[in-house]
Each structure stands twice: as C-alpha cells, then as structure tokens.
C-alpha cells in the first residue's frame, strides 16, 4: 500500500475532486488525460474501492473516496507548511513565537513546550508574555501575540482552542489549620470557609464556570477576597482570610498545604489558544505537538518537568 500511494497520487485525486472532471484535472496537472485516468484506476484497484464514479458529466466522489480526498488535502497542506517553515529556519527567517500565558497555568506545561520547540527549531526564539486572560485575549486579537496558554473556558468564535491539560482542584490552607490533619476535606467542611478566588474581572467565563460548579455541589460561595496571581492567593491564605481552590500541580509556600476534596471531580483545565486568523508558520506544528502530548497523557495532568517529550510530527514523506 505504501508503495502505491505516492505523493503524486494525492495531487491527482485532489485535482480531480476539485475539478469534478478528469479532463480539466489533467490540463491543470499538465498530464495527458488517459495517463491520469489510468494512474487513478491503478490506485483504486490496489486499495480495493473506487475513489470516483465516472460519468459523461464528470467525476463524483464516493463515500470512501471522500475520506481519501480529505487525507490528501491535509497531507498536501502539511507538506507545504513543512517546506515553508524548514526554509524559514534554514534562512534564519522564522520570526520569534510570541507566547502569552496566565500565571494560573502549570509552569511545567510551558517549560515542556518551550524545550520541545527549541529542539525542533534550533536557534528560533520564543518571547513569553504573562498577564491576565482578558488582556492576553485582546493581544491575540490585535496580533501582538501568536498563541497563549490560558485557563478554560475560552469563549468566542474568533478562537481556536485546544485543551492540553486537566488537573484536579485541591483546597489550599494553612499548615496549622485543623483541616490539615485530615487526609481529605469534605464539601461540608469547605462550604463556609472558601472565600478566596481569582479576580472575576480577569476571566469572567472561568469564574462563572467555577461558581456554577460550586453551587451544583451545594456551596453558596462568598467571594470576599479576589486575587490577580497565585502569589496573592497564597498570601491571603497565610494571612487567615480563608481557604482557596488551587490545582493539584500548584506548589504551596512554606506554612501552607493542600488537601484533596472528597467526592468531587472538580478540575482546572488549561488550553492552548490562538486566533483563527493567526499566520505564524510554527503554529500548525505547535498545535500538532500539543495534540500528541495530550493524547499521550490522556488529557489529564499537565506534564512533569522531568518528562522528555519530543515533537514527533506525522508529516507525509
């Protein structure tokens, strides 16, 4: 199969599909029509089903052929992207990838991505820019950032959103808190002490999701303290203003500790986000790496800093 399905076949079947006619496709490809017809017929004989139904009116794609056409179109696009970015890397013309991030994401995820990017594109730079999600989304829309790692959800038709990790929420408290003596905290114990939250104005959709999650569990949350950064949250906890939810990957400061919450499946989800009109050459490769990374982790916890994840790109030969 691999010997018969060559790159030229991909170009041929896409041309016929787009022209819906063998003669016009042959003219577009600068081939004789009988030669084009024979090569596609030979391919159909090998794969065991017709890609096209021929008629006097032209060529119609079969259901199985539609899958072949979709694969061919994606493979041709991937090859074009690969050649363009390889040329840019070779000529030292690949622009820096401007990457935004929220301080509430797992930094190990960002470090893994940065290390893998550097291995694939040696000498190509990444410019990092932290900020609150609202500001980062505005910069993505303005084109001053190419992509970003942000807490979910990310709403809006402008965005391509790929979930890359899912980390369980735990409750963060002082180490001398009576609850710290227990292996886990119940929802009832949490209900009246959960008072410290991320600033709702920085990411309203994420705040609304969290509130809905708590209310569905019977907690009527009192947002008496709001924080712009994880450091602010931990300072408020140390100062005795209440408890807070943090994701399991967060490292508590000295004097603080975390405990799981019994009977819940609450998670903090992270996505890679870019504007649908973003045109940085490396974006398709970044998205492909993240898709493979998520598949390898089952969409669960963000990667450990010690894990050596490589970019394995399934590009056509």
C-alpha atoms as a PDB file:
ATOM      1  CA  UNK A   1       0.000   0.000   0.000  1.00  0.00           C
ATOM      2  CA  UNK A   2       2.743   2.490   0.959  1.00  0.00           C
ATOM      3  CA  UNK A   3       4.474   1.815  -2.396  1.00  0.00           C
ATOM      4  CA  UNK A   4       1.424   2.569  -4.493  1.00  0.00           C
ATOM      5  CA  UNK A   5       0.015   5.576  -2.600  1.00  0.00           C
ATOM      6  CA  UNK A   6       2.634   8.136  -3.543  1.00  0.00           C
ATOM      7  CA  UNK A   7       2.634  11.894  -3.161  1.00  0.00           C
ATOM      8  CA  UNK A   8       1.757  12.374  -6.831  1.00  0.00           C
ATOM      9  CA  UNK A   9      -1.431  10.350  -6.280  1.00  0.00           C
ATOM     10  CA  UNK A  10      -2.511  12.780  -3.583  1.00  0.00           C
ATOM     11  CA  UNK A  11      -2.164  15.675  -6.020  1.00  0.00           C
ATOM     12  CA  UNK A  12      -4.013  13.760  -8.715  1.00  0.00           C
ATOM     13  CA  UNK A  13      -7.073  12.800  -6.679  1.00  0.00           C
ATOM     14  CA  UNK A  14      -7.369  16.290  -5.165  1.00  0.00           C
ATOM     15  CA  UNK A  15      -7.241  17.859  -8.631  1.00  0.00           C
ATOM     16  CA  UNK A  16      -9.954  15.520  -9.945  1.00  0.00           C
ATOM     17  CA  UNK A  17     -12.099  16.124  -6.858  1.00  0.00           C
ATOM     18  CA  UNK A  18     -11.796  19.894  -7.154  1.00  0.00           C
ATOM     19  CA  UNK A  19     -12.406  19.968 -10.908  1.00  0.00           C
ATOM     20  CA  UNK A  20     -15.047  17.174 -10.814  1.00  0.00           C
ATOM     21  CA  UNK A  21     -13.694  16.231 -14.226  1.00  0.00           C
ATOM     22  CA  UNK A  22     -10.722  14.132 -15.376  1.00  0.00           C
ATOM     23  CA  UNK A  23     -10.025  16.212 -18.489  1.00  0.00           C
ATOM     24  CA  UNK A  24      -9.888  19.532 -16.635  1.00  0.00           C
ATOM     25  CA  UNK A  25      -7.797  17.953 -13.867  1.00  0.00           C
ATOM     26  CA  UNK A  26      -5.317  16.588 -16.443  1.00  0.00           C
ATOM     27  CA  UNK A  27      -4.976  20.033 -18.027  1.00  0.00           C
ATOM     28  CA  UNK A  28      -4.358  21.565 -14.586  1.00  0.00           C
ATOM     29  CA  UNK A  29      -1.688  18.942 -13.849  1.00  0.00           C
ATOM     30  CA  UNK A  30      -0.095  19.157 -17.328  1.00  0.00           C
ATOM     31  CA  UNK A  31      -0.791  15.469 -17.898  1.00  0.00           C
ATOM     32  CA  UNK A  32      -2.465  13.541 -20.690  1.00  0.00           C
ATOM     33  CA  UNK A  33      -5.998  12.631 -19.650  1.00  0.00           C
ATOM     34  CA  UNK A  34      -5.585   8.881 -20.404  1.00  0.00           C
ATOM     35  CA  UNK A  35      -2.441   8.782 -18.236  1.00  0.00           C
ATOM     36  CA  UNK A  36      -4.210  10.477 -15.320  1.00  0.00           C
ATOM     37  CA  UNK A  37      -7.211   8.153 -15.609  1.00  0.00           C
ATOM     38  CA  UNK A  38      -5.012   5.045 -15.708  1.00  0.00           C
ATOM     39  CA  UNK A  39      -2.927   6.041 -12.684  1.00  0.00           C
ATOM     40  CA  UNK A  40      -6.017   6.705 -10.562  1.00  0.00           C
ATOM     41  CA  UNK A  41      -7.651   3.481 -11.791  1.00  0.00           C
ATOM     42  CA  UNK A  42      -4.497   1.541 -10.861  1.00  0.00           C
ATOM     43  CA  UNK A  43      -4.614   3.121  -7.408  1.00  0.00           C
ATOM     44  CA  UNK A  44      -8.289   2.198  -6.993  1.00  0.00           C
ATOM     45  CA  UNK A  45      -7.530  -1.396  -7.972  1.00  0.00           C
ATOM     46  CA  UNK A  46      -4.849  -1.638  -5.296  1.00  0.00           C
ATOM     47  CA  UNK A  47      -6.878  -0.077  -2.457  1.00  0.00           C
ATOM     48  CA  UNK A  48      -9.914  -2.146  -3.391  1.00  0.00           C
ATOM     49  CA  UNK A  49     -12.612   0.501  -3.871  1.00  0.00           C
ATOM     50  CA  UNK A  50     -13.397   3.356  -6.286  1.00  0.00           C
ATOM     51  CA  UNK A  51     -12.470   6.900  -5.332  1.00  0.00           C
ATOM     52  CA  UNK A  52     -14.592   8.352  -8.129  1.00  0.00           C
ATOM     53  CA  UNK A  53     -17.678   7.342 -10.065  1.00  0.00           C
ATOM     54  CA  UNK A  54     -17.115   8.275 -13.713  1.00  0.00           C
ATOM     55  CA  UNK A  55     -19.874   9.514 -15.978  1.00  0.00           C
ATOM     56  CA  UNK A  56     -20.251  11.623 -19.085  1.00  0.00           C
ATOM     57  CA  UNK A  57     -20.952  14.579 -16.846  1.00  0.00           C
ATOM     58  CA  UNK A  58     -17.668  14.236 -14.937  1.00  0.00           C
ATOM     59  CA  UNK A  59     -16.470  12.541 -11.758  1.00  0.00           C
ATOM     60  CA  UNK A  60     -18.327  12.114  -8.498  1.00  0.00           C
ATOM     61  CA  UNK A  61     -16.577  11.242  -5.221  1.00  0.00           C
ATOM     62  CA  UNK A  62     -17.589   8.023  -3.447  1.00  0.00           C
ATOM     63  CA  UNK A  63     -18.014   7.878   0.368  1.00  0.00           C
ATOM     64  CA  UNK A  64     -14.689   6.059   0.715  1.00  0.00           C
ATOM     65  CA  UNK A  65     -13.160   8.456  -1.773  1.00  0.00           C
ATOM     66  CA  UNK A  66     -14.239  11.390   0.363  1.00  0.00           C
ATOM     67  CA  UNK A  67     -12.037  10.097   3.167  1.00  0.00           C
ATOM     68  CA  UNK A  68      -9.136   9.716   0.743  1.00  0.00           C
ATOM     69  CA  UNK A  69      -9.640  13.258  -0.545  1.00  0.00           C
ATOM     70  CA  UNK A  70      -9.701  14.691   2.969  1.00  0.00           C
ATOM     71  CA  UNK A  71      -6.487  12.875   3.862  1.00  0.00           C
ATOM     72  CA  UNK A  72      -4.850  14.030   0.630  1.00  0.00           C
ATOM     73  CA  UNK A  73      -5.800  17.669   1.199  1.00  0.00           C
ATOM     74  CA  UNK A  74      -4.449  17.598   4.755  1.00  0.00           C
ATOM     75  CA  UNK A  75      -1.238  15.871   3.661  1.00  0.00           C
ATOM     76  CA  UNK A  76      -0.623  18.367   0.867  1.00  0.00           C
ATOM     77  CA  UNK A  77      -1.184  21.263   3.246  1.00  0.00           C
ATOM     78  CA  UNK A  78       1.139  19.710   5.851  1.00  0.00           C
ATOM     79  CA  UNK A  79       3.854  19.235   3.230  1.00  0.00           C
ATOM     80  CA  UNK A  80       3.532  22.846   2.106  1.00  0.00           C
ATOM     81  CA  UNK A  81       3.729  24.066   5.697  1.00  0.00           C
ATOM     82  CA  UNK A  82       6.713  21.837   6.429  1.00  0.00           C
ATOM     83  CA  UNK A  83       8.684  23.100   3.430  1.00  0.00           C
ATOM     84  CA  UNK A  84       7.870  26.733   4.218  1.00  0.00           C
ATOM     85  CA  UNK A  85       8.948  26.515   7.849  1.00  0.00           C
ATOM     86  CA  UNK A  86      12.066  24.466   7.032  1.00  0.00           C
ATOM     87  CA  UNK A  87      13.095  27.121   4.511  1.00  0.00           C
ATOM     88  CA  UNK A  88      12.486  29.875   7.051  1.00  0.00           C
ATOM     89  CA  UNK A  89      14.530  28.046   9.723  1.00  0.00           C
ATOM     90  CA  UNK A  90      17.372  27.361   7.284  1.00  0.00           C
ATOM     91  CA  UNK A  91      17.499  31.009   6.210  1.00  0.00           C
ATOM     92  CA  UNK A  92      17.201  32.361   9.753  1.00  0.00           C
ATOM     93  CA  UNK A  93      13.884  33.974   8.846  1.00  0.00           C
ATOM     94  CA  UNK A  94      11.492  32.290  11.272  1.00  0.00           C
ATOM     95  CA  UNK A  95      10.096  35.064  13.490  1.00  0.00           C
ATOM     96  CA  UNK A  96      10.032  34.650  17.243  1.00  0.00           C
ATOM     97  CA  UNK A  97       6.927  32.904  18.553  1.00  0.00           C
ATOM     98  CA  UNK A  98       5.177  35.385  20.843  1.00  0.00           C
ATOM     99  CA  UNK A  99       3.576  33.265  23.527  1.00  0.00           C
ATOM    100  CA  UNK A 100       1.235  34.538  26.222  1.00  0.00           C
ATOM    101  CA  UNK A 101       0.395  32.753  29.442  1.00  0.00           C
ATOM    102  CA  UNK A 102      -1.679  33.131  32.566  1.00  0.00           C
ATOM    103  CA  UNK A 103       0.076  32.853  35.919  1.00  0.00           C
ATOM    104  CA  UNK A 104      -2.582  30.305  36.901  1.00  0.00           C
ATOM    105  CA  UNK A 105      -1.385  27.618  34.478  1.00  0.00           C
ATOM    106  CA  UNK A 106       1.073  24.883  35.429  1.00  0.00           C
ATOM    107  CA  UNK A 107       4.542  26.299  34.606  1.00  0.00           C
ATOM    108  CA  UNK A 108       5.815  22.796  33.798  1.00  0.00           C
ATOM    109  CA  UNK A 109       3.494  22.766  30.786  1.00  0.00           C
ATOM    110  CA  UNK A 110       5.039  25.970  29.490  1.00  0.00           C
ATOM    111  CA  UNK A 111       8.584  24.745  30.105  1.00  0.00           C
ATOM    112  CA  UNK A 112       7.941  21.461  28.304  1.00  0.00           C
ATOM    113  CA  UNK A 113       6.531  23.283  25.301  1.00  0.00           C
ATOM    114  CA  UNK A 114       9.434  25.737  25.221  1.00  0.00           C
ATOM    115  CA  UNK A 115      12.062  22.964  25.433  1.00  0.00           C
ATOM    116  CA  UNK A 116      10.395  20.908  22.699  1.00  0.00           C
ATOM    117  CA  UNK A 117      10.016  23.945  20.446  1.00  0.00           C
ATOM    118  CA  UNK A 118      13.700  24.747  20.862  1.00  0.00           C
ATOM    119  CA  UNK A 119      14.690  21.185  19.896  1.00  0.00           C
ATOM    120  CA  UNK A 120      12.584  21.262  16.743  1.00  0.00           C
ATOM    121  CA  UNK A 121      13.578  24.788  15.713  1.00  0.00           C
ATOM    122  CA  UNK A 122      17.142  25.329  16.985  1.00  0.00           C
ATOM    123  CA  UNK A 123      18.022  28.969  17.409  1.00  0.00           C
ATOM    124  CA  UNK A 124      14.403  30.105  16.965  1.00  0.00           C
ATOM    125  CA  UNK A 125      13.229  32.249  19.819  1.00  0.00           C
ATOM    126  CA  UNK A 126      10.131  32.315  21.993  1.00  0.00           C
ATOM    127  CA  UNK A 127       9.074  35.587  23.603  1.00  0.00           C
ATOM    128  CA  UNK A 128       6.990  34.981  26.717  1.00  0.00           C
ATOM    129  CA  UNK A 129       4.410  37.430  27.997  1.00  0.00           C
ATOM    130  CA  UNK A 130       2.421  36.863  31.181  1.00  0.00           C
ATOM    131  CA  UNK A 131      -0.853  38.545  32.004  1.00  0.00           C
ATOM    132  CA  UNK A 132      -4.478  38.080  32.875  1.00  0.00           C
ATOM    133  CA  UNK A 133      -6.586  36.155  30.333  1.00  0.00           C
ATOM    134  CA  UNK A 134      -8.674  39.163  29.295  1.00  0.00           C
ATOM    135  CA  UNK A 135      -5.584  41.153  28.354  1.00  0.00           C
ATOM    136  CA  UNK A 136      -3.927  38.208  26.617  1.00  0.00           C
ATOM    137  CA  UNK A 137      -7.030  37.533  24.509  1.00  0.00           C
ATOM    138  CA  UNK A 138      -7.087  41.186  23.481  1.00  0.00           C
ATOM    139  CA  UNK A 139      -3.438  40.945  22.398  1.00  0.00           C
ATOM    140  CA  UNK A 140      -4.123  37.743  20.463  1.00  0.00           C
ATOM    141  CA  UNK A 141      -6.904  39.554  18.626  1.00  0.00           C
ATOM    142  CA  UNK A 142      -4.636  42.528  17.918  1.00  0.00           C
ATOM    143  CA  UNK A 143      -1.929  40.208  16.585  1.00  0.00           C
ATOM    144  CA  UNK A 144       0.758  41.158  19.107  1.00  0.00           C
ATOM    145  CA  UNK A 145       0.736  37.582  20.440  1.00  0.00           C
ATOM    146  CA  UNK A 146       0.695  34.407  18.326  1.00  0.00           C
ATOM    147  CA  UNK A 147      -0.682  31.948  20.891  1.00  0.00           C
ATOM    148  CA  UNK A 148      -1.253  31.509  24.609  1.00  0.00           C
ATOM    149  CA  UNK A 149      -1.776  29.025  27.421  1.00  0.00           C
ATOM    150  CA  UNK A 150      -4.907  30.022  29.314  1.00  0.00           C
ATOM    151  CA  UNK A 151      -7.375  28.576  31.825  1.00  0.00           C
ATOM    152  CA  UNK A 152     -10.596  27.308  30.296  1.00  0.00           C
ATOM    153  CA  UNK A 153     -13.207  28.065  29.211  1.00  0.00           C
ATOM    154  CA  UNK A 154     -12.278  30.471  26.427  1.00  0.00           C
ATOM    155  CA  UNK A 155     -15.403  31.766  24.742  1.00  0.00           C
ATOM    156  CA  UNK A 156     -15.843  33.318  21.324  1.00  0.00           C
ATOM    157  CA  UNK A 157     -15.926  32.372  17.647  1.00  0.00           C
ATOM    158  CA  UNK A 158     -12.545  34.009  16.944  1.00  0.00           C
ATOM    159  CA  UNK A 159     -10.511  31.434  18.842  1.00  0.00           C
ATOM    160  CA  UNK A 160      -9.009  28.048  18.078  1.00  0.00           C
ATOM    161  CA  UNK A 161      -8.988  26.329  21.487  1.00  0.00           C
ATOM    162  CA  UNK A 162      -7.163  23.082  22.236  1.00  0.00           C
ATOM    163  CA  UNK A 163      -7.446  21.662  25.747  1.00  0.00           C
ATOM    164  CA  UNK A 164      -3.991  20.458  26.803  1.00  0.00           C
ATOM    165  CA  UNK A 165      -4.330  19.506  30.473  1.00  0.00           C
ATOM    166  CA  UNK A 166      -6.840  18.756  33.211  1.00  0.00           C
ATOM    167  CA  UNK A 167      -5.695  18.983  36.833  1.00  0.00           C
ATOM    168  CA  UNK A 168      -7.900  18.196  39.843  1.00  0.00           C
ATOM    169  CA  UNK A 169      -8.685  21.043  42.210  1.00  0.00           C
ATOM    170  CA  UNK A 170      -7.461  20.750  45.803  1.00  0.00           C
ATOM    171  CA  UNK A 171      -8.086  23.075  48.726  1.00  0.00           C
ATOM    172  CA  UNK A 172      -5.183  25.202  49.949  1.00  0.00           C
ATOM    173  CA  UNK A 173      -4.953  26.095  53.656  1.00  0.00           C
ATOM    174  CA  UNK A 174      -2.501  26.989  56.372  1.00  0.00           C
ATOM    175  CA  UNK A 175      -0.423  24.066  57.611  1.00  0.00           C
ATOM    176  CA  UNK A 176      -1.696  24.695  61.148  1.00  0.00           C
ATOM    177  CA  UNK A 177      -5.353  24.622  60.056  1.00  0.00           C
ATOM    178  CA  UNK A 178      -7.352  21.857  61.828  1.00  0.00           C
ATOM    179  CA  UNK A 179      -8.387  20.538  58.401  1.00  0.00           C
ATOM    180  CA  UNK A 180      -4.712  19.864  57.605  1.00  0.00           C
ATOM    181  CA  UNK A 181      -4.778  16.914  60.000  1.00  0.00           C
ATOM    182  CA  UNK A 182      -7.288  15.126  57.749  1.00  0.00           C
ATOM    183  CA  UNK A 183      -6.317  13.200  54.566  1.00  0.00           C
ATOM    184  CA  UNK A 184      -9.062  14.980  52.607  1.00  0.00           C
ATOM    185  CA  UNK A 185     -11.647  17.719  53.082  1.00  0.00           C
ATOM    186  CA  UNK A 186     -15.391  17.231  52.718  1.00  0.00           C
ATOM    187  CA  UNK A 187     -17.618  19.649  50.829  1.00  0.00           C
ATOM    188  CA  UNK A 188     -19.444  20.463  54.065  1.00  0.00           C
ATOM    189  CA  UNK A 189     -16.177  21.452  55.769  1.00  0.00           C
ATOM    190  CA  UNK A 190     -15.252  23.595  52.789  1.00  0.00           C
ATOM    191  CA  UNK A 191     -18.588  25.312  52.274  1.00  0.00           C
ATOM    192  CA  UNK A 192     -18.326  28.250  54.698  1.00  0.00           C
ATOM    193  CA  UNK A 193     -14.572  28.795  54.534  1.00  0.00           C
ATOM    194  CA  UNK A 194     -13.965  29.030  50.789  1.00  0.00           C
ATOM    195  CA  UNK A 195     -13.606  32.797  50.361  1.00  0.00           C
ATOM    196  CA  UNK A 196     -10.510  33.491  48.234  1.00  0.00           C
ATOM    197  CA  UNK A 197     -10.864  33.388  44.431  1.00  0.00           C
ATOM    198  CA  UNK A 198      -9.184  34.584  41.285  1.00  0.00           C
ATOM    199  CA  UNK A 199     -10.293  38.081  40.333  1.00  0.00           C
ATOM    200  CA  UNK A 200     -13.552  37.530  38.367  1.00  0.00           C
ATOM    201  CA  UNK A 201     -12.843  40.514  36.094  1.00  0.00           C
ATOM    202  CA  UNK A 202      -9.704  38.922  34.652  1.00  0.00           C
ATOM    203  CA  UNK A 203     -11.555  35.864  33.311  1.00  0.00           C
ATOM    204  CA  UNK A 204     -15.304  36.090  33.741  1.00  0.00           C
ATOM    205  CA  UNK A 205     -16.203  32.858  31.937  1.00  0.00           C
ATOM    206  CA  UNK A 206     -13.800  30.824  34.097  1.00  0.00           C
ATOM    207  CA  UNK A 207     -15.197  32.445  37.253  1.00  0.00           C
ATOM    208  CA  UNK A 208     -18.771  31.702  36.185  1.00  0.00           C
ATOM    209  CA  UNK A 209     -17.834  28.076  35.491  1.00  0.00           C
ATOM    210  CA  UNK A 210     -16.306  27.733  38.950  1.00  0.00           C
ATOM    211  CA  UNK A 211     -19.312  29.336  40.635  1.00  0.00           C
ATOM    212  CA  UNK A 212     -21.712  27.019  38.807  1.00  0.00           C
ATOM    213  CA  UNK A 213     -19.609  24.031  39.826  1.00  0.00           C
ATOM    214  CA  UNK A 214     -19.679  25.030  43.499  1.00  0.00           C
ATOM    215  CA  UNK A 215     -23.386  25.861  43.530  1.00  0.00           C
ATOM    216  CA  UNK A 216     -24.204  22.479  41.989  1.00  0.00           C
ATOM    217  CA  UNK A 217     -22.374  20.890  44.941  1.00  0.00           C
ATOM    218  CA  UNK A 218     -24.450  22.852  47.450  1.00  0.00           C
ATOM    219  CA  UNK A 219     -21.870  25.563  48.179  1.00  0.00           C
ATOM    220  CA  UNK A 220     -23.031  29.169  48.041  1.00  0.00           C
ATOM    221  CA  UNK A 221     -19.633  30.795  47.566  1.00  0.00           C
ATOM    222  CA  UNK A 222     -18.757  34.082  49.276  1.00  0.00           C
ATOM    223  CA  UNK A 223     -16.142  35.888  47.185  1.00  0.00           C
ATOM    224  CA  UNK A 224     -14.767  38.135  49.919  1.00  0.00           C
ATOM    225  CA  UNK A 225     -11.194  38.223  48.550  1.00  0.00           C
ATOM    226  CA  UNK A 226     -10.061  38.236  44.920  1.00  0.00           C
ATOM    227  CA  UNK A 227      -6.528  37.796  43.652  1.00  0.00           C
ATOM    228  CA  UNK A 228      -4.741  38.570  40.408  1.00  0.00           C
ATOM    229  CA  UNK A 229      -1.973  35.974  40.856  1.00  0.00           C
ATOM    230  CA  UNK A 230      -1.345  32.652  42.651  1.00  0.00           C
ATOM    231  CA  UNK A 231       1.101  34.501  44.942  1.00  0.00           C
ATOM    232  CA  UNK A 232      -1.719  36.823  46.038  1.00  0.00           C
ATOM    233  CA  UNK A 233      -3.939  33.816  46.803  1.00  0.00           C
ATOM    234  CA  UNK A 234      -1.291  32.178  48.946  1.00  0.00           C
ATOM    235  CA  UNK A 235      -0.570  35.416  50.833  1.00  0.00           C
ATOM    236  CA  UNK A 236      -4.278  35.791  51.662  1.00  0.00           C
ATOM    237  CA  UNK A 237      -4.429  32.204  52.915  1.00  0.00           C
ATOM    238  CA  UNK A 238      -1.373  32.712  55.114  1.00  0.00           C
ATOM    239  CA  UNK A 239      -2.926  35.909  56.458  1.00  0.00           C
ATOM    240  CA  UNK A 240      -6.039  33.992  57.508  1.00  0.00           C
ATOM    241  CA  UNK A 241      -8.598  35.415  55.092  1.00  0.00           C
ATOM    242  CA  UNK A 242      -9.983  31.981  54.164  1.00  0.00           C
ATOM    243  CA  UNK A 243      -9.380  28.928  52.015  1.00  0.00           C
ATOM    244  CA  UNK A 244      -8.944  28.710  48.247  1.00  0.00           C
ATOM    245  CA  UNK A 245      -9.097  26.168  45.463  1.00  0.00           C
ATOM    246  CA  UNK A 246      -5.871  25.602  43.535  1.00  0.00           C
ATOM    247  CA  UNK A 247      -4.952  22.962  41.011  1.00  0.00           C
ATOM    248  CA  UNK A 248      -3.047  19.923  42.206  1.00  0.00           C
ATOM    249  CA  UNK A 249       0.178  20.949  40.446  1.00  0.00           C
ATOM    250  CA  UNK A 250       0.488  24.170  42.461  1.00  0.00           C
ATOM    251  CA  UNK A 251       3.397  24.172  44.928  1.00  0.00           C
ATOM    252  CA  UNK A 252       2.289  25.693  48.264  1.00  0.00           C
ATOM    253  CA  UNK A 253       4.557  28.169  50.025  1.00  0.00           C
ATOM    254  CA  UNK A 254       6.118  27.382  53.398  1.00  0.00           C
ATOM    255  CA  UNK A 255       3.421  27.325  56.051  1.00  0.00           C
ATOM    256  CA  UNK A 256       0.723  26.214  53.581  1.00  0.00           C
ATOM    257  CA  UNK A 257      -0.527  22.815  52.494  1.00  0.00           C
ATOM    258  CA  UNK A 258      -3.182  21.300  50.243  1.00  0.00           C
ATOM    259  CA  UNK A 259      -5.745  18.522  50.630  1.00  0.00           C
ATOM    260  CA  UNK A 260      -7.967  16.737  48.103  1.00  0.00           C
ATOM    261  CA  UNK A 261     -11.720  17.286  48.246  1.00  0.00           C
ATOM    262  CA  UNK A 262     -13.731  14.134  48.835  1.00  0.00           C
ATOM    263  CA  UNK A 263     -16.500  13.152  46.459  1.00  0.00           C
ATOM    264  CA  UNK A 264     -15.663  15.655  43.719  1.00  0.00           C
ATOM    265  CA  UNK A 265     -14.225  15.611  40.226  1.00  0.00           C
ATOM    266  CA  UNK A 266     -13.540  19.336  40.007  1.00  0.00           C
ATOM    267  CA  UNK A 267     -10.748  20.203  37.614  1.00  0.00           C
ATOM    268  CA  UNK A 268      -8.738  23.173  36.474  1.00  0.00           C
ATOM    269  CA  UNK A 269      -8.447  22.927  32.684  1.00  0.00           C
ATOM    270  CA  UNK A 270      -5.819  24.589  30.503  1.00  0.00           C
ATOM    271  CA  UNK A 271      -5.975  25.308  26.759  1.00  0.00           C
ATOM    272  CA  UNK A 272      -3.648  26.466  24.033  1.00  0.00           C
ATOM    273  CA  UNK A 273      -5.405  29.324  22.268  1.00  0.00           C
ATOM    274  CA  UNK A 274      -4.712  31.235  19.088  1.00  0.00           C
ATOM    275  CA  UNK A 275      -6.740  33.465  16.814  1.00  0.00           C
ATOM    276  CA  UNK A 276      -8.188  31.601  13.842  1.00  0.00           C
ATOM    277  CA  UNK A 277      -6.565  34.146  11.534  1.00  0.00           C
ATOM    278  CA  UNK A 278      -3.098  33.862  13.129  1.00  0.00           C
ATOM    279  CA  UNK A 279      -0.468  33.083  10.488  1.00  0.00           C
ATOM    280  CA  UNK A 280       2.783  32.298  12.311  1.00  0.00           C
ATOM    281  CA  UNK A 281       4.495  29.477  10.397  1.00  0.00           C
ATOM    282  CA  UNK A 282       5.158  27.425  13.555  1.00  0.00           C
ATOM    283  CA  UNK A 283       1.559  27.368  14.816  1.00  0.00           C
ATOM    284  CA  UNK A 284       0.464  24.184  12.966  1.00  0.00           C
ATOM    285  CA  UNK A 285       3.490  22.360  14.396  1.00  0.00           C
ATOM    286  CA  UNK A 286       2.852  23.722  17.898  1.00  0.00           C
ATOM    287  CA  UNK A 287      -0.755  22.547  17.760  1.00  0.00           C
ATOM    288  CA  UNK A 288       0.270  19.117  16.471  1.00  0.00           C
ATOM    289  CA  UNK A 289       2.784  18.688  19.294  1.00  0.00           C
ATOM    290  CA  UNK A 290       0.197  19.655  21.902  1.00  0.00           C
ATOM    291  CA  UNK A 291      -2.357  17.280  20.417  1.00  0.00           C
ATOM    292  CA  UNK A 292       0.127  14.420  20.643  1.00  0.00           C
ATOM    293  CA  UNK A 293       1.150  15.426  24.148  1.00  0.00           C
ATOM    294  CA  UNK A 294      -2.480  15.429  25.280  1.00  0.00           C
ATOM    295  CA  UNK A 295      -3.093  12.078  23.617  1.00  0.00           C
ATOM    296  CA  UNK A 296      -0.068  10.632  25.391  1.00  0.00           C
ATOM    297  CA  UNK A 297      -1.304  11.894  28.765  1.00  0.00           C
ATOM    298  CA  UNK A 298      -4.950  11.039  28.196  1.00  0.00           C
ATOM    299  CA  UNK A 299      -5.903  14.729  28.572  1.00  0.00           C
ATOM    300  CA  UNK A 300      -5.190  14.594  32.297  1.00  0.00           C
ATOM    301  CA  UNK A 301      -2.471  16.237  34.333  1.00  0.00           C
ATOM    302  CA  UNK A 302      -0.017  18.631  32.775  1.00  0.00           C
ATOM    303  CA  UNK A 303       3.396  17.233  32.038  1.00  0.00           C
ATOM    304  CA  UNK A 304       6.157  16.876  34.595  1.00  0.00           C
ATOM    305  CA  UNK A 305       9.243  18.980  34.050  1.00  0.00           C
ATOM    306  CA  UNK A 306      11.352  15.839  34.099  1.00  0.00           C
ATOM    307  CA  UNK A 307       9.461  14.168  31.265  1.00  0.00           C
ATOM    308  CA  UNK A 308      11.365  14.354  27.998  1.00  0.00           C
ATOM    309  CA  UNK A 309       8.582  14.775  25.456  1.00  0.00           C
ATOM    310  CA  UNK A 310       9.749  15.152  21.890  1.00  0.00           C
ATOM    311  CA  UNK A 311       7.918  16.646  18.936  1.00  0.00           C
ATOM    312  CA  UNK A 312       7.001  13.695  16.752  1.00  0.00           C
ATOM    313  CA  UNK A 313       5.458  15.089  13.605  1.00  0.00           C
ATOM    314  CA  UNK A 314       3.421  12.777  11.402  1.00  0.00           C
ATOM    315  CA  UNK A 315       4.189  14.552   8.154  1.00  0.00           C
ATOM    316  CA  UNK A 316       3.948  12.964   4.704  1.00  0.00           C
ATOM    317  CA  UNK A 317       7.230  11.707   3.263  1.00  0.00           C
END
